[in-house]
Amino acid sequence: MGISAILNIAVSGMQANTRSLTTSAQNVANAMTPGYRRQVTSFAADASGGVTTTVHTSGATHLPDTSDVDLGQEMLDAIQAEIGFKANAAVWETGADMWDVLASIKRD
């Protein structure tokens, strides 16, 4: 696996975690909206490396005059997205540093 593939995988991870955080933010914004159904982000490995996401409505049942958003769960999801994003950003930064080292070796 080349450095460019590692960078692409890290970017897909950052994008996936951004989408997850966006979904949590949308859920929090609609927590008091009657009838709102919580959105959930699912992650899956991509065949070419990296990760893909899908957003779907939760299967939880609730009364039509309430929402099924649990603010505690949204906070946990947001923290998980932050940690995942930071981990992928660290991988990307390391790959970029390796790319710079290889470029300087080639120049010399």
PDB file of N, CA and C in Angstrom:
ATOM      1  N   MET A   1       0.855  -1.180   0.000  1.00  0.00           N
ATOM      2  CA  MET A   1       0.000   0.000   0.000  1.00  0.00           C
ATOM      3  C   MET A   1       0.892   1.232   0.000  1.00  0.00           C
ATOM      4  N   GLY A   2       0.614   2.141  -0.909  1.00  0.00           N
ATOM      5  CA  GLY A   2       1.413   3.348  -1.014  1.00  0.00           C
ATOM      6  C   GLY A   2       0.941   4.437  -0.066  1.00  0.00           C
ATOM      7  N   ILE A   3       1.780   5.449   0.043  1.00  0.00           N
ATOM      8  CA  ILE A   3       1.456   6.561   0.932  1.00  0.00           C
ATOM      9  C   ILE A   3       0.195   7.278   0.464  1.00  0.00           C
ATOM     10  N   SER A   4       0.034   7.420  -0.851  1.00  0.00           N
ATOM     11  CA  SER A   4      -1.172   8.113  -1.337  1.00  0.00           C
ATOM     12  C   SER A   4      -2.435   7.338  -0.963  1.00  0.00           C
ATOM     13  N   ALA A   5      -2.375   6.001  -0.957  1.00  0.00           N
ATOM     14  CA  ALA A   5      -3.531   5.206  -0.541  1.00  0.00           C
ATOM     15  C   ALA A   5      -3.828   5.423   0.942  1.00  0.00           C
ATOM     16  N   ILE A   6      -2.778   5.507   1.741  1.00  0.00           N
ATOM     17  CA  ILE A   6      -2.957   5.762   3.177  1.00  0.00           C
ATOM     18  C   ILE A   6      -3.610   7.125   3.393  1.00  0.00           C
ATOM     19  N   LEU A   7      -3.158   8.120   2.635  1.00  0.00           N
ATOM     20  CA  LEU A   7      -3.753   9.453   2.752  1.00  0.00           C
ATOM     21  C   LEU A   7      -5.218   9.428   2.356  1.00  0.00           C
ATOM     22  N   ASN A   8      -5.543   8.719   1.288  1.00  0.00           N
ATOM     23  CA  ASN A   8      -6.945   8.629   0.847  1.00  0.00           C
ATOM     24  C   ASN A   8      -7.820   7.919   1.885  1.00  0.00           C
ATOM     25  N   ILE A   9      -7.292   6.876   2.498  1.00  0.00           N
ATOM     26  CA  ILE A   9      -8.049   6.165   3.531  1.00  0.00           C
ATOM     27  C   ILE A   9      -8.296   7.076   4.729  1.00  0.00           C
ATOM     28  N   ALA A  10      -7.274   7.827   5.123  1.00  0.00           N
ATOM     29  CA  ALA A  10      -7.429   8.754   6.252  1.00  0.00           C
ATOM     30  C   ALA A  10      -8.463   9.829   5.935  1.00  0.00           C
ATOM     31  N   VAL A  11      -8.449  10.338   4.714  1.00  0.00           N
ATOM     32  CA  VAL A  11      -9.434  11.352   4.316  1.00  0.00           C
ATOM     33  C   VAL A  11     -10.846  10.766   4.359  1.00  0.00           C
ATOM     34  N   SER A  12     -11.005   9.527   3.888  1.00  0.00           N
ATOM     35  CA  SER A  12     -12.342   8.922   3.928  1.00  0.00           C
ATOM     36  C   SER A  12     -12.808   8.760   5.374  1.00  0.00           C
ATOM     37  N   GLY A  13     -11.900   8.453   6.273  1.00  0.00           N
ATOM     38  CA  GLY A  13     -12.254   8.357   7.693  1.00  0.00           C
ATOM     39  C   GLY A  13     -12.666   9.696   8.270  1.00  0.00           C
ATOM     40  N   MET A  14     -11.948  10.757   7.892  1.00  0.00           N
ATOM     41  CA  MET A  14     -12.319  12.090   8.376  1.00  0.00           C
ATOM     42  C   MET A  14     -13.683  12.497   7.823  1.00  0.00           C
ATOM     43  N   GLN A  15     -13.932  12.204   6.545  1.00  0.00           N
ATOM     44  CA  GLN A  15     -15.227  12.528   5.952  1.00  0.00           C
ATOM     45  C   GLN A  15     -16.360  11.743   6.619  1.00  0.00           C
ATOM     46  N   ALA A  16     -16.107  10.474   6.920  1.00  0.00           N
ATOM     47  CA  ALA A  16     -17.125   9.650   7.570  1.00  0.00           C
ATOM     48  C   ALA A  16     -17.461  10.185   8.954  1.00  0.00           C
ATOM     49  N   ASN A  17     -16.446  10.572   9.708  1.00  0.00           N
ATOM     50  CA  ASN A  17     -16.693  11.099  11.049  1.00  0.00           C
ATOM     51  C   ASN A  17     -17.337  12.475  11.002  1.00  0.00           C
ATOM     52  N   THR A  18     -17.033  13.256   9.979  1.00  0.00           N
ATOM     53  CA  THR A  18     -17.710  14.541   9.796  1.00  0.00           C
ATOM     54  C   THR A  18     -19.193  14.318   9.537  1.00  0.00           C
ATOM     55  N   ARG A  19     -19.495  13.333   8.705  1.00  0.00           N
ATOM     56  CA  ARG A  19     -20.905  13.028   8.416  1.00  0.00           C
ATOM     57  C   ARG A  19     -21.626  12.564   9.678  1.00  0.00           C
ATOM     58  N   SER A  20     -20.960  11.763  10.490  1.00  0.00           N
ATOM     59  CA  SER A  20     -21.559  11.295  11.739  1.00  0.00           C
ATOM     60  C   SER A  20     -21.844  12.465  12.682  1.00  0.00           C
ATOM     61  N   LEU A  21     -20.898  13.397  12.786  1.00  0.00           N
ATOM     62  CA  LEU A  21     -21.097  14.558  13.647  1.00  0.00           C
ATOM     63  C   LEU A  21     -22.228  15.441  13.117  1.00  0.00           C
ATOM     64  N   THR A  22     -22.307  15.583  11.806  1.00  0.00           N
ATOM     65  CA  THR A  22     -23.399  16.354  11.195  1.00  0.00           C
ATOM     66  C   THR A  22     -24.751  15.723  11.508  1.00  0.00           C
ATOM     67  N   THR A  23     -24.806  14.400  11.450  1.00  0.00           N
ATOM     68  CA  THR A  23     -26.044  13.690  11.766  1.00  0.00           C
ATOM     69  C   THR A  23     -26.444  13.917  13.215  1.00  0.00           C
ATOM     70  N   SER A  24     -25.468  13.838  14.131  1.00  0.00           N
ATOM     71  CA  SER A  24     -25.763  14.091  15.555  1.00  0.00           C
ATOM     72  C   SER A  24     -26.248  15.518  15.766  1.00  0.00           C
ATOM     73  N   ALA A  25     -25.616  16.471  15.089  1.00  0.00           N
ATOM     74  CA  ALA A  25     -26.036  17.874  15.219  1.00  0.00           C
ATOM     75  C   ALA A  25     -27.463  18.064  14.718  1.00  0.00           C
ATOM     76  N   GLN A  26     -27.793  17.395  13.628  1.00  0.00           N
ATOM     77  CA  GLN A  26     -29.156  17.474  13.098  1.00  0.00           C
ATOM     78  C   GLN A  26     -30.149  16.888  14.101  1.00  0.00           C
ATOM     79  N   ASN A  27     -29.769  15.778  14.734  1.00  0.00           N
ATOM     80  CA  ASN A  27     -30.648  15.169  15.733  1.00  0.00           C
ATOM     81  C   ASN A  27     -30.870  16.100  16.919  1.00  0.00           C
ATOM     82  N   VAL A  28     -29.799  16.735  17.392  1.00  0.00           N
ATOM     83  CA  VAL A  28     -29.934  17.657  18.526  1.00  0.00           C
ATOM     84  C   VAL A  28     -30.819  18.835  18.139  1.00  0.00           C
ATOM     85  N   ALA A  29     -30.618  19.361  16.924  1.00  0.00           N
ATOM     86  CA  ALA A  29     -31.415  20.505  16.466  1.00  0.00           C
ATOM     87  C   ALA A  29     -32.895  20.164  16.380  1.00  0.00           C
ATOM     88  N   ASN A  30     -33.216  18.894  16.131  1.00  0.00           N
ATOM     89  CA  ASN A  30     -34.613  18.480  15.970  1.00  0.00           C
ATOM     90  C   ASN A  30     -35.159  17.710  17.167  1.00  0.00           C
ATOM     91  N   ALA A  31     -34.430  17.709  18.263  1.00  0.00           N
ATOM     92  CA  ALA A  31     -34.823  16.913  19.435  1.00  0.00           C
ATOM     93  C   ALA A  31     -36.208  17.264  19.963  1.00  0.00           C
ATOM     94  N   MET A  32     -36.618  18.498  19.814  1.00  0.00           N
ATOM     95  CA  MET A  32     -37.915  18.928  20.332  1.00  0.00           C
ATOM     96  C   MET A  32     -38.982  19.002  19.236  1.00  0.00           C
ATOM     97  N   THR A  33     -38.654  18.515  18.041  1.00  0.00           N
ATOM     98  CA  THR A  33     -39.605  18.545  16.935  1.00  0.00           C
ATOM     99  C   THR A  33     -40.549  17.349  17.035  1.00  0.00           C
ATOM    100  N   PRO A  34     -41.834  17.591  17.192  1.00  0.00           N
ATOM    101  CA  PRO A  34     -42.776  16.475  17.301  1.00  0.00           C
ATOM    102  C   PRO A  34     -42.710  15.560  16.076  1.00  0.00           C
ATOM    103  N   GLY A  35     -42.643  14.267  16.324  1.00  0.00           N
ATOM    104  CA  GLY A  35     -42.630  13.282  15.254  1.00  0.00           C
ATOM    105  C   GLY A  35     -41.277  13.051  14.599  1.00  0.00           C
ATOM    106  N   TYR A  36     -40.247  13.810  15.022  1.00  0.00           N
ATOM    107  CA  TYR A  36     -38.929  13.635  14.413  1.00  0.00           C
ATOM    108  C   TYR A  36     -38.364  12.261  14.761  1.00  0.00           C
ATOM    109  N   ARG A  37     -37.826  11.585  13.770  1.00  0.00           N
ATOM    110  CA  ARG A  37     -37.185  10.282  13.969  1.00  0.00           C
ATOM    111  C   ARG A  37     -35.678  10.470  13.930  1.00  0.00           C
ATOM    112  N   ARG A  38     -35.006   9.960  14.924  1.00  0.00           N
ATOM    113  CA  ARG A  38     -33.552  10.061  15.027  1.00  0.00           C
ATOM    114  C   ARG A  38     -32.873   9.451  13.802  1.00  0.00           C
ATOM    115  N   GLN A  39     -31.855  10.163  13.299  1.00  0.00           N
ATOM    116  CA  GLN A  39     -31.044   9.669  12.194  1.00  0.00           C
ATOM    117  C   GLN A  39     -29.791   8.994  12.770  1.00  0.00           C
ATOM    118  N   VAL A  40     -29.364   7.912  12.137  1.00  0.00           N
ATOM    119  CA  VAL A  40     -28.211   7.136  12.597  1.00  0.00           C
ATOM    120  C   VAL A  40     -27.241   6.990  11.434  1.00  0.00           C
ATOM    121  N   THR A  41     -25.956   7.198  11.694  1.00  0.00           N
ATOM    122  CA  THR A  41     -24.923   7.013  10.679  1.00  0.00           C
ATOM    123  C   THR A  41     -24.303   5.639  10.862  1.00  0.00           C
ATOM    124  N   SER A  42     -24.268   4.856   9.786  1.00  0.00           N
ATOM    125  CA  SER A  42     -23.636   3.538   9.804  1.00  0.00           C
ATOM    126  C   SER A  42     -22.359   3.602   8.983  1.00  0.00           C
ATOM    127  N   PHE A  43     -21.321   2.960   9.493  1.00  0.00           N
ATOM    128  CA  PHE A  43     -20.026   2.917   8.833  1.00  0.00           C
ATOM    129  C   PHE A  43     -19.826   1.531   8.227  1.00  0.00           C
ATOM    130  N   ALA A  44     -19.169   1.472   7.068  1.00  0.00           N
ATOM    131  CA  ALA A  44     -18.841   0.188   6.438  1.00  0.00           C
ATOM    132  C   ALA A  44     -17.495   0.326   5.731  1.00  0.00           C
ATOM    133  N   ALA A  45     -16.737  -0.761   5.741  1.00  0.00           N
ATOM    134  CA  ALA A  45     -15.453  -0.770   5.038  1.00  0.00           C
ATOM    135  C   ALA A  45     -15.704  -0.700   3.538  1.00  0.00           C
ATOM    136  N   ASP A  46     -14.909   0.104   2.860  1.00  0.00           N
ATOM    137  CA  ASP A  46     -14.996   0.224   1.410  1.00  0.00           C
ATOM    138  C   ASP A  46     -14.051  -0.807   0.792  1.00  0.00           C
ATOM    139  N   ALA A  47     -14.447  -1.409  -0.306  1.00  0.00           N
ATOM    140  CA  ALA A  47     -13.637  -2.447  -0.949  1.00  0.00           C
ATOM    141  C   ALA A  47     -12.272  -1.924  -1.384  1.00  0.00           C
ATOM    142  N   SER A  48     -12.185  -0.653  -1.725  1.00  0.00           N
ATOM    143  CA  SER A  48     -10.911  -0.077  -2.168  1.00  0.00           C
ATOM    144  C   SER A  48     -10.101   0.500  -1.008  1.00  0.00           C
ATOM    145  N   GLY A  49     -10.552   0.301   0.202  1.00  0.00           N
ATOM    146  CA  GLY A  49      -9.910   0.870   1.381  1.00  0.00           C
ATOM    147  C   GLY A  49     -10.729   2.044   1.873  1.00  0.00           C
ATOM    148  N   GLY A  50     -10.563   2.374   3.101  1.00  0.00           N
ATOM    149  CA  GLY A  50     -11.316   3.483   3.654  1.00  0.00           C
ATOM    150  C   GLY A  50     -12.663   3.040   4.194  1.00  0.00           C
ATOM    151  N   VAL A  51     -13.547   3.994   4.302  1.00  0.00           N
ATOM    152  CA  VAL A  51     -14.841   3.740   4.918  1.00  0.00           C
ATOM    153  C   VAL A  51     -15.926   4.526   4.179  1.00  0.00           C
ATOM    154  N   THR A  52     -17.108   3.950   4.135  1.00  0.00           N
ATOM    155  CA  THR A  52     -18.266   4.643   3.586  1.00  0.00           C
ATOM    156  C   THR A  52     -19.311   4.774   4.693  1.00  0.00           C
ATOM    157  N   THR A  53     -20.225   5.700   4.513  1.00  0.00           N
ATOM    158  CA  THR A  53     -21.279   5.891   5.503  1.00  0.00           C
ATOM    159  C   THR A  53     -22.634   5.932   4.823  1.00  0.00           C
ATOM    160  N   THR A  54     -23.630   5.541   5.585  1.00  0.00           N
ATOM    161  CA  THR A  54     -25.018   5.728   5.180  1.00  0.00           C
ATOM    162  C   THR A  54     -25.761   6.271   6.382  1.00  0.00           C
ATOM    163  N   VAL A  55     -26.736   7.113   6.113  1.00  0.00           N
ATOM    164  CA  VAL A  55     -27.567   7.665   7.182  1.00  0.00           C
ATOM    165  C   VAL A  55     -28.964   7.117   6.984  1.00  0.00           C
ATOM    166  N   HIS A  56     -29.516   6.569   8.055  1.00  0.00           N
ATOM    167  CA  HIS A  56     -30.867   6.032   7.982  1.00  0.00           C
ATOM    168  C   HIS A  56     -31.647   6.432   9.234  1.00  0.00           C
ATOM    169  N   THR A  57     -32.942   6.308   9.161  1.00  0.00           N
ATOM    170  CA  THR A  57     -33.809   6.630  10.285  1.00  0.00           C
ATOM    171  C   THR A  57     -33.795   5.485  11.277  1.00  0.00           C
ATOM    172  N   SER A  58     -33.764   5.831  12.548  1.00  0.00           N
ATOM    173  CA  SER A  58     -33.738   4.797  13.579  1.00  0.00           C
ATOM    174  C   SER A  58     -35.018   3.968  13.533  1.00  0.00           C
ATOM    175  N   GLY A  59     -34.907   2.755  14.017  1.00  0.00           N
ATOM    176  CA  GLY A  59     -36.055   1.867  14.038  1.00  0.00           C
ATOM    177  C   GLY A  59     -36.871   1.979  15.317  1.00  0.00           C
ATOM    178  N   ALA A  60     -36.463   2.887  16.198  1.00  0.00           N
ATOM    179  CA  ALA A  60     -37.159   3.027  17.471  1.00  0.00           C
ATOM    180  C   ALA A  60     -38.586   3.525  17.250  1.00  0.00           C
ATOM    181  N   THR A  61     -39.486   3.024  18.054  1.00  0.00           N
ATOM    182  CA  THR A  61     -40.868   3.493  17.976  1.00  0.00           C
ATOM    183  C   THR A  61     -41.074   4.587  19.015  1.00  0.00           C
ATOM    184  N   HIS A  62     -41.895   5.521  18.682  1.00  0.00           N
ATOM    185  CA  HIS A  62     -42.184   6.612  19.610  1.00  0.00           C
ATOM    186  C   HIS A  62     -43.556   7.183  19.289  1.00  0.00           C
ATOM    187  N   LEU A  63     -44.022   8.017  20.165  1.00  0.00           N
ATOM    188  CA  LEU A  63     -45.314   8.678  19.955  1.00  0.00           C
ATOM    189  C   LEU A  63     -45.167   9.759  18.898  1.00  0.00           C
ATOM    190  N   PRO A  64     -46.172   9.971  18.066  1.00  0.00           N
ATOM    191  CA  PRO A  64     -46.064  10.964  16.988  1.00  0.00           C
ATOM    192  C   PRO A  64     -45.907  12.402  17.478  1.00  0.00           C
ATOM    193  N   ASP A  65     -46.232  12.673  18.738  1.00  0.00           N
ATOM    194  CA  ASP A  65     -46.103  14.044  19.228  1.00  0.00           C
ATOM    195  C   ASP A  65     -44.799  14.273  19.990  1.00  0.00           C
ATOM    196  N   THR A  66     -43.864  13.320  19.915  1.00  0.00           N
ATOM    197  CA  THR A  66     -42.550  13.464  20.543  1.00  0.00           C
ATOM    198  C   THR A  66     -41.478  13.050  19.530  1.00  0.00           C
ATOM    199  N   SER A  67     -40.216  13.234  19.896  1.00  0.00           N
ATOM    200  CA  SER A  67     -39.126  12.731  19.056  1.00  0.00           C
ATOM    201  C   SER A  67     -38.446  11.598  19.825  1.00  0.00           C
ATOM    202  N   ASP A  68     -37.654  10.795  19.122  1.00  0.00           N
ATOM    203  CA  ASP A  68     -36.961   9.690  19.782  1.00  0.00           C
ATOM    204  C   ASP A  68     -35.477   9.993  19.997  1.00  0.00           C
ATOM    205  N   VAL A  69     -35.119  11.272  20.033  1.00  0.00           N
ATOM    206  CA  VAL A  69     -33.731  11.678  20.205  1.00  0.00           C
ATOM    207  C   VAL A  69     -33.369  11.635  21.690  1.00  0.00           C
ATOM    208  N   ASP A  70     -32.271  10.937  21.992  1.00  0.00           N
ATOM    209  CA  ASP A  70     -31.708  10.869  23.338  1.00  0.00           C
ATOM    210  C   ASP A  70     -30.457  11.745  23.331  1.00  0.00           C
ATOM    211  N   LEU A  71     -30.503  12.883  24.027  1.00  0.00           N
ATOM    212  CA  LEU A  71     -29.388  13.824  23.983  1.00  0.00           C
ATOM    213  C   LEU A  71     -28.099  13.220  24.540  1.00  0.00           C
ATOM    214  N   GLY A  72     -28.201  12.318  25.497  1.00  0.00           N
ATOM    215  CA  GLY A  72     -27.014  11.634  26.011  1.00  0.00           C
ATOM    216  C   GLY A  72     -26.345  10.801  24.929  1.00  0.00           C
ATOM    217  N   GLN A  73     -27.150  10.079  24.149  1.00  0.00           N
ATOM    218  CA  GLN A  73     -26.612   9.275  23.048  1.00  0.00           C
ATOM    219  C   GLN A  73     -25.983  10.169  21.989  1.00  0.00           C
ATOM    220  N   GLU A  74     -26.595  11.319  21.735  1.00  0.00           N
ATOM    221  CA  GLU A  74     -26.041  12.238  20.736  1.00  0.00           C
ATOM    222  C   GLU A  74     -24.686  12.774  21.197  1.00  0.00           C
ATOM    223  N   MET A  75     -24.547  13.013  22.492  1.00  0.00           N
ATOM    224  CA  MET A  75     -23.261  13.480  23.025  1.00  0.00           C
ATOM    225  C   MET A  75     -22.197  12.401  22.866  1.00  0.00           C
ATOM    226  N   LEU A  76     -22.560  11.164  23.159  1.00  0.00           N
ATOM    227  CA  LEU A  76     -21.613  10.054  22.979  1.00  0.00           C
ATOM    228  C   LEU A  76     -21.224   9.904  21.510  1.00  0.00           C
ATOM    229  N   ASP A  77     -22.191  10.013  20.608  1.00  0.00           N
ATOM    230  CA  ASP A  77     -21.908   9.915  19.178  1.00  0.00           C
ATOM    231  C   ASP A  77     -20.978  11.042  18.727  1.00  0.00           C
ATOM    232  N   ALA A  78     -21.195  12.250  19.252  1.00  0.00           N
ATOM    233  CA  ALA A  78     -20.352  13.388  18.889  1.00  0.00           C
ATOM    234  C   ALA A  78     -18.924  13.185  19.385  1.00  0.00           C
ATOM    235  N   ILE A  79     -18.772  12.675  20.588  1.00  0.00           N
ATOM    236  CA  ILE A  79     -17.431  12.412  21.129  1.00  0.00           C
ATOM    237  C   ILE A  79     -16.733  11.337  20.305  1.00  0.00           C
ATOM    238  N   GLN A  80     -17.469  10.294  19.939  1.00  0.00           N
ATOM    239  CA  GLN A  80     -16.896   9.227  19.112  1.00  0.00           C
ATOM    240  C   GLN A  80     -16.455   9.782  17.758  1.00  0.00           C
ATOM    241  N   ALA A  81     -17.257  10.648  17.158  1.00  0.00           N
ATOM    242  CA  ALA A  81     -16.906  11.250  15.872  1.00  0.00           C
ATOM    243  C   ALA A  81     -15.652  12.120  16.007  1.00  0.00           C
ATOM    244  N   GLU A  82     -15.556  12.856  17.104  1.00  0.00           N
ATOM    245  CA  GLU A  82     -14.380  13.697  17.332  1.00  0.00           C
ATOM    246  C   GLU A  82     -13.117  12.849  17.459  1.00  0.00           C
ATOM    247  N   ILE A  83     -13.188  11.788  18.243  1.00  0.00           N
ATOM    248  CA  ILE A  83     -12.029  10.917  18.435  1.00  0.00           C
ATOM    249  C   ILE A  83     -11.636  10.248  17.118  1.00  0.00           C
ATOM    250  N   GLY A  84     -12.618   9.760  16.373  1.00  0.00           N
ATOM    251  CA  GLY A  84     -12.348   9.139  15.083  1.00  0.00           C
ATOM    252  C   GLY A  84     -11.725  10.116  14.098  1.00  0.00           C
ATOM    253  N   PHE A  85     -12.230  11.343  14.072  1.00  0.00           N
ATOM    254  CA  PHE A  85     -11.679  12.353  13.174  1.00  0.00           C
ATOM    255  C   PHE A  85     -10.233  12.642  13.535  1.00  0.00           C
ATOM    256  N   LYS A  86      -9.958  12.842  14.835  1.00  0.00           N
ATOM    257  CA  LYS A  86      -8.590  13.143  15.280  1.00  0.00           C
ATOM    258  C   LYS A  86      -7.632  12.002  14.957  1.00  0.00           C
ATOM    259  N   ALA A  87      -8.078  10.757  15.113  1.00  0.00           N
ATOM    260  CA  ALA A  87      -7.225   9.609  14.802  1.00  0.00           C
ATOM    261  C   ALA A  87      -6.887   9.585  13.314  1.00  0.00           C
ATOM    262  N   ASN A  88      -7.876   9.815  12.457  1.00  0.00           N
ATOM    263  CA  ASN A  88      -7.629   9.832  11.018  1.00  0.00           C
ATOM    264  C   ASN A  88      -6.780  11.029  10.611  1.00  0.00           C
ATOM    265  N   ALA A  89      -6.962  12.156  11.272  1.00  0.00           N
ATOM    266  CA  ALA A  89      -6.138  13.332  10.981  1.00  0.00           C
ATOM    267  C   ALA A  89      -4.676  13.054  11.337  1.00  0.00           C
ATOM    268  N   ALA A  90      -4.433  12.347  12.442  1.00  0.00           N
ATOM    269  CA  ALA A  90      -3.067  11.997  12.827  1.00  0.00           C
ATOM    270  C   ALA A  90      -2.432  11.067  11.794  1.00  0.00           C
ATOM    271  N   VAL A  91      -3.207  10.114  11.284  1.00  0.00           N
ATOM    272  CA  VAL A  91      -2.703   9.225  10.230  1.00  0.00           C
ATOM    273  C   VAL A  91      -2.368  10.040   8.987  1.00  0.00           C
ATOM    274  N   TRP A  92      -3.248  10.960   8.619  1.00  0.00           N
ATOM    275  CA  TRP A  92      -3.013  11.783   7.442  1.00  0.00           C
ATOM    276  C   TRP A  92      -1.749  12.620   7.609  1.00  0.00           C
ATOM    277  N   GLU A  93      -1.585  13.234   8.776  1.00  0.00           N
ATOM    278  CA  GLU A  93      -0.398  14.058   9.032  1.00  0.00           C
ATOM    279  C   GLU A  93       0.872  13.223   8.964  1.00  0.00           C
ATOM    280  N   THR A  94       0.839  12.018   9.501  1.00  0.00           N
ATOM    281  CA  THR A  94       2.004  11.136   9.445  1.00  0.00           C
ATOM    282  C   THR A  94       2.306  10.749   7.997  1.00  0.00           C
ATOM    283  N   GLY A  95       1.287  10.420   7.228  1.00  0.00           N
ATOM    284  CA  GLY A  95       1.482  10.099   5.816  1.00  0.00           C
ATOM    285  C   GLY A  95       2.048  11.275   5.041  1.00  0.00           C
ATOM    286  N   ALA A  96       1.563  12.479   5.336  1.00  0.00           N
ATOM    287  CA  ALA A  96       2.072  13.676   4.663  1.00  0.00           C
ATOM    288  C   ALA A  96       3.536  13.906   5.024  1.00  0.00           C
ATOM    289  N   ASP A  97       3.886  13.675   6.285  1.00  0.00           N
ATOM    290  CA  ASP A  97       5.286  13.798   6.707  1.00  0.00           C
ATOM    291  C   ASP A  97       6.163  12.783   5.977  1.00  0.00           C
ATOM    292  N   MET A  98       5.680  11.554   5.842  1.00  0.00           N
ATOM    293  CA  MET A  98       6.431  10.523   5.123  1.00  0.00           C
ATOM    294  C   MET A  98       6.607  10.928   3.664  1.00  0.00           C
ATOM    295  N   TRP A  99       5.562  11.485   3.073  1.00  0.00           N
ATOM    296  CA  TRP A  99       5.622  11.942   1.684  1.00  0.00           C
ATOM    297  C   TRP A  99       6.702  13.012   1.543  1.00  0.00           C
ATOM    298  N   ASP A 100       6.768  13.959   2.496  1.00  0.00           N
ATOM    299  CA  ASP A 100       7.784  15.012   2.471  1.00  0.00           C
ATOM    300  C   ASP A 100       9.189  14.435   2.580  1.00  0.00           C
ATOM    301  N   VAL A 101       9.383  13.444   3.449  1.00  0.00           N
ATOM    302  CA  VAL A 101      10.689  12.815   3.613  1.00  0.00           C
ATOM    303  C   VAL A 101      11.111  12.137   2.314  1.00  0.00           C
ATOM    304  N   LEU A 102      10.189  11.390   1.707  1.00  0.00           N
ATOM    305  CA  LEU A 102      10.512  10.724   0.447  1.00  0.00           C
ATOM    306  C   LEU A 102      10.837  11.735  -0.656  1.00  0.00           C
ATOM    307  N   ALA A 103      10.110  12.840  -0.687  1.00  0.00           N
ATOM    308  CA  ALA A 103      10.358  13.868  -1.688  1.00  0.00           C
ATOM    309  C   ALA A 103      11.735  14.508  -1.485  1.00  0.00           C
ATOM    310  N   SER A 104      12.110  14.709  -0.226  1.00  0.00           N
ATOM    311  CA  SER A 104      13.424  15.317   0.035  1.00  0.00           C
ATOM    312  C   SER A 104      14.550  14.334  -0.290  1.00  0.00           C
ATOM    313  N   ILE A 105      14.341  13.050  -0.068  1.00  0.00           N
ATOM    314  CA  ILE A 105      15.345  12.033  -0.423  1.00  0.00           C
ATOM    315  C   ILE A 105      15.519  12.011  -1.939  1.00  0.00           C
ATOM    316  N   LYS A 106      14.427  12.085  -2.654  1.00  0.00           N
ATOM    317  CA  LYS A 106      14.486  12.047  -4.113  1.00  0.00           C
ATOM    318  C   LYS A 106      15.196  13.282  -4.661  1.00  0.00           C
ATOM    319  N   ARG A 107      14.987  14.452  -4.023  1.00  0.00           N
ATOM    320  CA  ARG A 107      15.635  15.682  -4.467  1.00  0.00           C
ATOM    321  C   ARG A 107      17.147  15.625  -4.248  1.00  0.00           C
ATOM    322  N   ASP A 108      17.553  14.983  -3.177  1.00  0.00           N
ATOM    323  CA  ASP A 108      18.997  14.953  -2.807  1.00  0.00           C
ATOM    324  C   ASP A 108      19.762  13.981  -3.604  1.00  0.00           C
TER     325      ASP A 108
END
